[in-house]
Amino acid sequence: MAIYRPKGNLVIASSIEGVFNNGVRECAYISLNAHQRMLAEKLLKGPSFFGRMLDMKEFREVEAINQSETVQAFVALRPLVKKAADYLNILQLISDWPNEARHIIQSKDDAVVAFFTKKFEEKKAQTAPERLIFDQYFYDERKARQAQSEAEWFLLQEPFIDTLSELRILNQHGYTIHLVTSKDEQSTWDLCRAYSSPLAGFLEAHDIALSEEDRVMFGARKCMIRRECIIGKERMGDKKSKAGQLEISAELEGVPPRRVWRLDDMYNADEVAGMRAAGFNTIFIVKGGYAFDLHYRQAEKAEIPVVERVGMASFIAEYACQLGL
């Protein structure tokens, strides 16, 4: 199927987590160890999930751990999370409500989603001091594991392969790809570099401009991932919103807001309102990320296209064609 090539520079600003990167299991691993440390230091009450700190290699390789109900429920409840401290409450919900946790592994129906959403907000309100400590322990644990073995740490996560294929198609047909994140740009760039290594092999040689030689060989604008097109917290300043991220993309490419399109995995009414108020009206929600079906219905009600991951390049290109861009 032919892919429409835009008449000018059209930027696809893709979220990292849930669209490009699948890092929820890394977050599960880090959270379980941070939780275990707090228990050991008597900063938390309650049972331990595995009774000890976990090693990165065993977490990846031992199915009794990585396919346990605890980890599966953690993944299923990921749509509730907005910041690292929230993972503490996710673990508490799994411990306090094991039957419901088993239910949400099998079916994310509206009733169980509503149940956990309510309990999650209650837990957050009850655990403010513990959340502050957990947040620090979470990031301390992540830094410690990165220092222990960055290669092992990278292997705890993986890209969404279908997303890579679809973004590659768009890039090859003249669309400019930006990766936007609330994280720092350097760690995101390091992750992309790791995905391009022979060991990982997720990114092809022409996908990422690793050096000036790459930029000359492949063309500075032809590589799908370029260091300057990762928009993270270093450049955000006072622009803490998703609208702020898109404003930076527009400034970088010298295009108006209508030529910067947002690609996300979850609908958030406040964020959408902010983007639209700033003139960024074209937003797509990609299925298969960290969202409940409820989020997709909310997006459709707000007249935001919800697209399947496979085939989204064709959908986006057809959208551009219809707008004559």
Protein backbone atom coordinates (compact mmCIF):
# COMPACT_ATOMS: atom_id res chain seq x y z
CA MET A 1 0.00 0.00 0.00
CA ALA A 2 1.33 3.43 -1.01
CA ILE A 3 2.15 5.80 1.85
CA TYR A 4 1.35 9.47 1.35
CA ARG A 5 4.41 11.71 1.52
CA PRO A 6 3.74 15.09 3.20
CA LYS A 7 4.29 18.26 1.19
CA GLY A 8 6.36 19.86 3.94
CA ASN A 9 7.92 19.01 7.27
CA LEU A 10 5.38 17.09 9.36
CA VAL A 11 6.52 16.08 12.85
CA ILE A 12 5.28 12.97 14.64
CA ALA A 13 6.04 13.58 18.33
CA SER A 14 5.83 10.16 19.94
CA SER A 15 5.67 9.42 23.63
CA ILE A 16 8.44 7.12 24.85
CA GLU A 17 6.79 4.84 27.40
CA GLY A 18 3.80 2.91 26.12
CA VAL A 19 4.40 3.81 22.48
CA PHE A 20 8.11 3.44 21.73
CA ASN A 21 9.46 1.71 24.83
CA ASN A 22 8.02 -1.11 26.91
CA GLY A 23 9.70 -0.54 30.25
CA VAL A 24 7.00 -1.67 32.66
CA ARG A 25 8.85 -4.83 33.71
CA GLU A 26 11.96 -2.83 34.54
CA CYS A 27 9.73 -0.66 36.73
CA ALA A 28 8.31 -3.79 38.36
CA TYR A 29 11.79 -5.09 39.13
CA ILE A 30 13.01 -1.78 40.56
CA SER A 31 9.79 -1.33 42.56
CA LEU A 32 9.96 -4.80 44.10
CA ASN A 33 13.52 -4.21 45.27
CA ALA A 34 12.77 -0.71 46.58
CA HIS A 35 9.78 -2.18 48.45
CA GLN A 36 11.96 -4.96 49.87
CA ARG A 37 14.54 -2.45 51.11
CA MET A 38 11.86 -0.41 52.86
CA LEU A 39 10.52 -3.54 54.55
CA ALA A 40 14.01 -4.56 55.68
CA GLU A 41 14.60 -1.10 57.14
CA LYS A 42 11.18 -1.16 58.83
CA LEU A 43 9.96 1.81 56.82
CA LEU A 44 6.96 -0.21 55.66
CA LYS A 45 4.69 -2.81 57.17
CA GLY A 46 3.32 -5.79 55.34
CA PRO A 47 4.46 -9.00 53.64
CA SER A 48 7.38 -9.34 51.27
CA PHE A 49 6.54 -10.54 47.76
CA PHE A 50 9.62 -12.71 47.19
CA GLY A 51 11.30 -12.55 50.59
CA ARG A 52 14.55 -11.02 49.35
CA MET A 53 16.16 -8.63 46.90
CA LEU A 54 16.05 -9.91 43.32
CA ASP A 55 18.90 -10.15 40.84
CA MET A 56 18.41 -8.67 37.37
CA LYS A 57 19.37 -11.87 35.55
CA GLU A 58 17.04 -14.06 37.60
CA PHE A 59 14.21 -11.57 37.14
CA ARG A 60 14.61 -11.88 33.37
CA GLU A 61 15.11 -15.62 33.24
CA VAL A 62 13.11 -17.21 36.08
CA GLU A 63 9.49 -17.55 35.00
CA ALA A 64 8.34 -18.19 38.57
CA ILE A 65 9.31 -14.57 39.15
CA ASN A 66 8.76 -12.70 35.88
CA GLN A 67 5.51 -14.53 35.12
CA SER A 68 4.25 -14.51 38.70
CA GLU A 69 0.82 -13.13 39.52
CA THR A 70 2.54 -10.24 41.29
CA VAL A 71 4.37 -9.10 38.16
CA GLN A 72 1.40 -9.76 35.86
CA ALA A 73 -0.89 -7.72 38.12
CA PHE A 74 1.72 -4.95 38.29
CA VAL A 75 1.74 -4.76 34.49
CA ALA A 76 -2.07 -4.83 34.35
CA LEU A 77 -2.33 -1.93 36.81
CA ARG A 78 0.34 0.20 35.08
CA PRO A 79 -2.29 2.57 33.54
CA LEU A 80 -2.93 4.01 37.03
CA VAL A 81 0.66 5.23 37.37
CA LYS A 82 1.82 8.79 36.72
CA LYS A 83 4.97 8.92 38.87
CA ALA A 84 7.37 6.53 40.57
CA ALA A 85 5.75 6.86 44.01
CA ASP A 86 2.56 5.40 42.54
CA TYR A 87 4.28 2.03 42.17
CA LEU A 88 4.30 1.66 45.95
CA ASN A 89 0.53 1.86 45.99
CA ILE A 90 0.25 -0.58 43.09
CA LEU A 91 2.22 -3.14 45.11
CA GLN A 92 0.05 -2.47 48.16
CA LEU A 93 -3.13 -3.02 46.15
CA ILE A 94 -1.79 -6.33 44.82
CA SER A 95 -0.99 -7.43 48.37
CA ASP A 96 -4.27 -6.21 49.90
CA TRP A 97 -6.62 -7.41 47.15
CA PRO A 98 -5.16 -10.65 45.69
CA ASN A 99 -8.43 -11.98 44.26
CA GLU A 100 -9.16 -8.73 42.45
CA ALA A 101 -5.53 -8.65 41.27
CA ARG A 102 -5.99 -12.08 39.70
CA HIS A 103 -9.18 -10.81 38.08
CA ILE A 104 -7.51 -7.82 36.40
CA ILE A 105 -4.81 -10.09 34.98
CA GLN A 106 -7.53 -11.97 33.13
CA SER A 107 -9.97 -9.17 32.36
CA LYS A 108 -9.70 -5.39 32.57
CA ASP A 109 -13.45 -4.92 32.66
CA ASP A 110 -14.91 -1.61 33.79
CA ALA A 111 -15.96 -2.93 37.21
CA VAL A 112 -12.50 -4.11 38.29
CA VAL A 113 -10.86 -1.01 36.79
CA ALA A 114 -13.25 1.20 38.78
CA PHE A 115 -12.54 -0.84 41.92
CA PHE A 116 -8.78 -0.44 41.64
CA THR A 117 -8.99 3.19 40.60
CA LYS A 118 -10.93 3.99 43.78
CA LYS A 119 -8.63 1.93 46.02
CA PHE A 120 -5.58 3.46 44.37
CA GLU A 121 -6.67 7.02 45.16
CA GLU A 122 -7.45 5.99 48.74
CA LYS A 123 -4.02 4.42 49.17
CA LYS A 124 -2.28 7.48 47.78
CA ALA A 125 -4.07 9.69 50.31
CA GLN A 126 -3.15 7.35 53.19
CA THR A 127 0.55 6.91 52.42
CA ALA A 128 2.03 10.35 51.71
CA PRO A 129 5.14 9.88 53.95
CA GLU A 130 5.84 6.39 52.61
CA ARG A 131 5.44 7.59 49.03
CA LEU A 132 8.16 10.20 49.51
CA ILE A 133 10.57 7.59 50.84
CA PHE A 134 9.68 5.06 48.16
CA ASP A 135 10.27 7.62 45.42
CA GLN A 136 13.83 8.13 46.66
CA TYR A 137 14.44 4.40 47.11
CA PHE A 138 13.07 3.69 43.62
CA TYR A 139 15.54 6.02 41.92
CA ASP A 140 18.39 4.95 44.20
CA GLU A 141 17.73 1.32 43.27
CA ARG A 142 17.63 2.13 39.55
CA LYS A 143 20.94 4.01 39.76
CA ALA A 144 22.51 1.15 41.71
CA ARG A 145 21.45 -1.42 39.11
CA GLN A 146 22.65 0.76 36.25
CA ALA A 147 26.00 1.11 38.00
CA GLN A 148 26.14 -2.63 38.64
CA SER A 149 25.65 -3.47 34.95
CA GLU A 150 24.17 -1.09 32.45
CA ALA A 151 23.95 -3.89 29.88
CA GLU A 152 21.94 -6.10 32.25
CA TRP A 153 19.71 -3.17 33.18
CA PHE A 154 18.91 -2.36 29.55
CA LEU A 155 17.84 -5.97 29.02
CA LEU A 156 15.01 -5.51 31.54
CA GLN A 157 13.14 -3.48 28.90
CA GLU A 158 12.48 -3.64 25.18
CA PRO A 159 10.95 -1.50 22.46
CA PHE A 160 7.53 -2.12 20.99
CA ILE A 161 8.70 -3.80 17.79
CA ASP A 162 5.54 -2.92 15.87
CA THR A 163 6.02 0.74 16.76
CA LEU A 164 9.58 0.69 15.43
CA SER A 165 8.35 -0.77 12.14
CA GLU A 166 5.58 1.81 11.78
CA LEU A 167 7.77 4.79 12.71
CA ARG A 168 10.40 3.51 10.28
CA ILE A 169 7.81 3.53 7.48
CA LEU A 170 6.76 7.08 8.32
CA ASN A 171 10.36 8.26 8.49
CA GLN A 172 11.19 6.68 5.14
CA HIS A 173 8.28 8.58 3.59
CA GLY A 174 9.32 12.01 4.77
CA TYR A 175 7.81 12.33 8.26
CA THR A 176 10.08 13.69 11.00
CA ILE A 177 10.13 11.61 14.19
CA HIS A 178 10.56 13.20 17.62
CA LEU A 179 10.63 11.23 20.87
CA VAL A 180 9.15 13.22 23.76
CA THR A 181 9.54 12.23 27.40
CA SER A 182 9.37 13.52 30.95
CA LYS A 183 12.67 11.72 31.58
CA ASP A 184 16.11 13.12 30.83
CA GLU A 185 17.26 13.14 27.22
CA GLN A 186 20.62 11.48 27.81
CA SER A 187 19.22 8.29 29.35
CA THR A 188 16.67 8.06 26.53
CA TRP A 189 19.44 8.47 23.96
CA ASP A 190 21.48 5.82 25.78
CA LEU A 191 18.49 3.49 25.60
CA CYS A 192 18.18 4.03 21.84
CA ARG A 193 21.90 3.37 21.44
CA ALA A 194 21.54 0.15 23.43
CA TYR A 195 18.68 -0.95 21.18
CA SER A 196 20.95 -0.42 18.15
CA SER A 197 23.75 -2.59 19.52
CA PRO A 198 24.45 -5.96 17.85
CA LEU A 199 23.44 -7.68 21.11
CA ALA A 200 19.96 -6.17 21.01
CA GLY A 201 19.51 -5.65 17.28
CA PHE A 202 16.19 -3.82 17.58
CA LEU A 203 17.27 -0.77 15.56
CA GLU A 204 18.81 -0.99 12.11
CA ALA A 205 22.01 0.86 11.19
CA HIS A 206 20.19 3.59 9.26
CA ASP A 207 17.60 4.12 12.02
CA ILE A 208 19.83 6.07 14.37
CA ALA A 209 22.49 8.72 13.82
CA LEU A 210 25.15 7.64 16.31
CA SER A 211 27.93 9.80 14.92
CA GLU A 212 28.69 12.58 12.49
CA GLU A 213 29.74 9.90 9.98
CA ASP A 214 26.27 8.37 10.23
CA ARG A 215 24.70 11.74 9.60
CA VAL A 216 26.83 12.19 6.46
CA MET A 217 26.30 8.65 5.20
CA PHE A 218 22.56 8.39 5.79
CA GLY A 219 21.69 12.09 5.57
CA ALA A 220 21.19 14.23 8.67
CA ARG A 221 17.42 14.23 8.34
CA LYS A 222 16.97 10.66 7.12
CA CYS A 223 17.77 8.81 10.33
CA MET A 224 14.64 7.99 12.31
CA ILE A 225 16.24 8.77 15.69
CA ARG A 226 18.52 11.77 16.15
CA ARG A 227 19.90 13.01 19.45
CA GLU A 228 18.53 16.53 19.00
CA CYS A 229 15.03 15.16 18.34
CA ILE A 230 14.70 13.60 21.79
CA ILE A 231 12.79 16.19 23.82
CA GLY A 232 13.19 15.61 27.56
CA LYS A 233 13.32 17.45 30.83
CA GLU A 234 16.64 19.20 30.09
CA ARG A 235 14.94 21.45 27.57
CA MET A 236 11.57 21.77 29.24
CA GLY A 237 12.29 24.65 31.62
CA ASP A 238 8.91 25.97 32.71
CA LYS A 239 7.17 23.93 30.02
CA LYS A 240 6.22 20.92 32.11
CA SER A 241 3.18 19.95 30.04
CA LYS A 242 2.80 17.88 26.90
CA ALA A 243 1.85 21.09 25.12
CA GLY A 244 5.23 22.46 26.22
CA GLN A 245 7.00 19.45 24.70
CA LEU A 246 5.24 20.02 21.40
CA GLU A 247 6.12 23.72 21.45
CA ILE A 248 9.79 22.74 21.64
CA SER A 249 9.32 20.35 18.70
CA ALA A 250 7.68 23.10 16.67
CA GLU A 251 10.47 25.56 17.51
CA LEU A 252 13.16 23.02 16.67
CA GLU A 253 11.68 22.24 13.26
CA GLY A 254 10.47 25.76 12.48
CA VAL A 255 6.90 24.66 11.82
CA PRO A 256 3.49 25.84 13.09
CA PRO A 257 1.54 23.77 15.67
CA ARG A 258 -0.68 22.20 13.01
CA ARG A 259 2.40 20.43 11.63
CA VAL A 260 3.32 18.78 14.95
CA TRP A 261 1.23 15.71 15.75
CA ARG A 262 1.18 13.89 19.08
CA LEU A 263 1.33 10.11 19.35
CA ASP A 264 0.41 8.76 22.79
CA ASP A 265 -0.82 5.57 24.42
CA MET A 266 -3.29 7.00 26.93
CA TYR A 267 -6.00 9.65 26.98
CA ASN A 268 -5.82 12.40 29.59
CA ALA A 269 -8.50 15.09 29.33
CA ASP A 270 -6.42 17.84 30.96
CA GLU A 271 -3.39 17.16 28.78
CA VAL A 272 -5.52 17.09 25.64
CA ALA A 273 -7.16 20.38 26.59
CA GLY A 274 -3.72 21.93 27.10
CA MET A 275 -2.41 20.72 23.75
CA ARG A 276 -5.49 21.92 21.91
CA ALA A 277 -5.37 25.31 23.63
CA ALA A 278 -1.80 25.69 22.33
CA GLY A 279 -2.88 24.84 18.78
CA PHE A 280 -1.77 21.21 18.71
CA ASN A 281 -5.04 19.69 17.60
CA THR A 282 -3.90 16.46 15.95
CA ILE A 283 -3.49 13.74 18.55
CA PHE A 284 -3.53 9.97 18.10
CA ILE A 285 -3.89 7.28 20.77
CA VAL A 286 -2.13 4.00 19.97
CA LYS A 287 -3.63 0.79 21.29
CA GLY A 288 -1.64 -1.77 23.22
CA GLY A 289 0.21 0.54 25.58
CA TYR A 290 -0.44 1.36 29.23
CA ALA A 291 -4.15 2.07 29.02
CA PHE A 292 -7.50 0.55 29.91
CA ASP A 293 -10.29 0.17 27.34
CA LEU A 294 -12.03 2.96 29.24
CA HIS A 295 -9.28 5.35 28.09
CA TYR A 296 -9.88 4.44 24.45
CA ARG A 297 -13.59 5.13 24.75
CA GLN A 298 -12.86 8.46 26.43
CA ALA A 299 -10.49 9.39 23.60
CA GLU A 300 -13.02 8.51 20.92
CA LYS A 301 -15.66 10.56 22.73
CA ALA A 302 -13.21 13.50 22.63
CA GLU A 303 -12.86 12.93 18.85
CA ILE A 304 -9.30 11.64 19.09
CA PRO A 305 -8.48 8.79 16.69
CA VAL A 306 -7.60 5.52 18.44
CA VAL A 307 -5.40 3.47 16.13
CA GLU A 308 -4.07 -0.06 16.08
CA ARG A 309 -0.31 -0.27 16.45
CA VAL A 310 0.11 -2.32 13.29
CA GLY A 311 -0.97 -0.16 10.38
CA MET A 312 -0.76 3.17 12.19
CA ALA A 313 1.72 4.52 9.59
CA SER A 314 -0.88 4.10 6.86
CA PHE A 315 -3.57 5.63 9.08
CA ILE A 316 -1.46 8.68 9.93
CA ALA A 317 -0.37 9.15 6.32
CA GLU A 318 -3.97 8.97 5.10
CA TYR A 319 -4.92 11.54 7.74
CA ALA A 320 -2.21 13.87 6.40
CA CYS A 321 -3.41 13.28 2.85
CA GLN A 322 -6.99 14.21 3.75
CA LEU A 323 -5.76 17.45 5.33
CA GLY A 324 -3.60 18.22 2.31
CA LEU A 325 -0.47 18.66 4.41
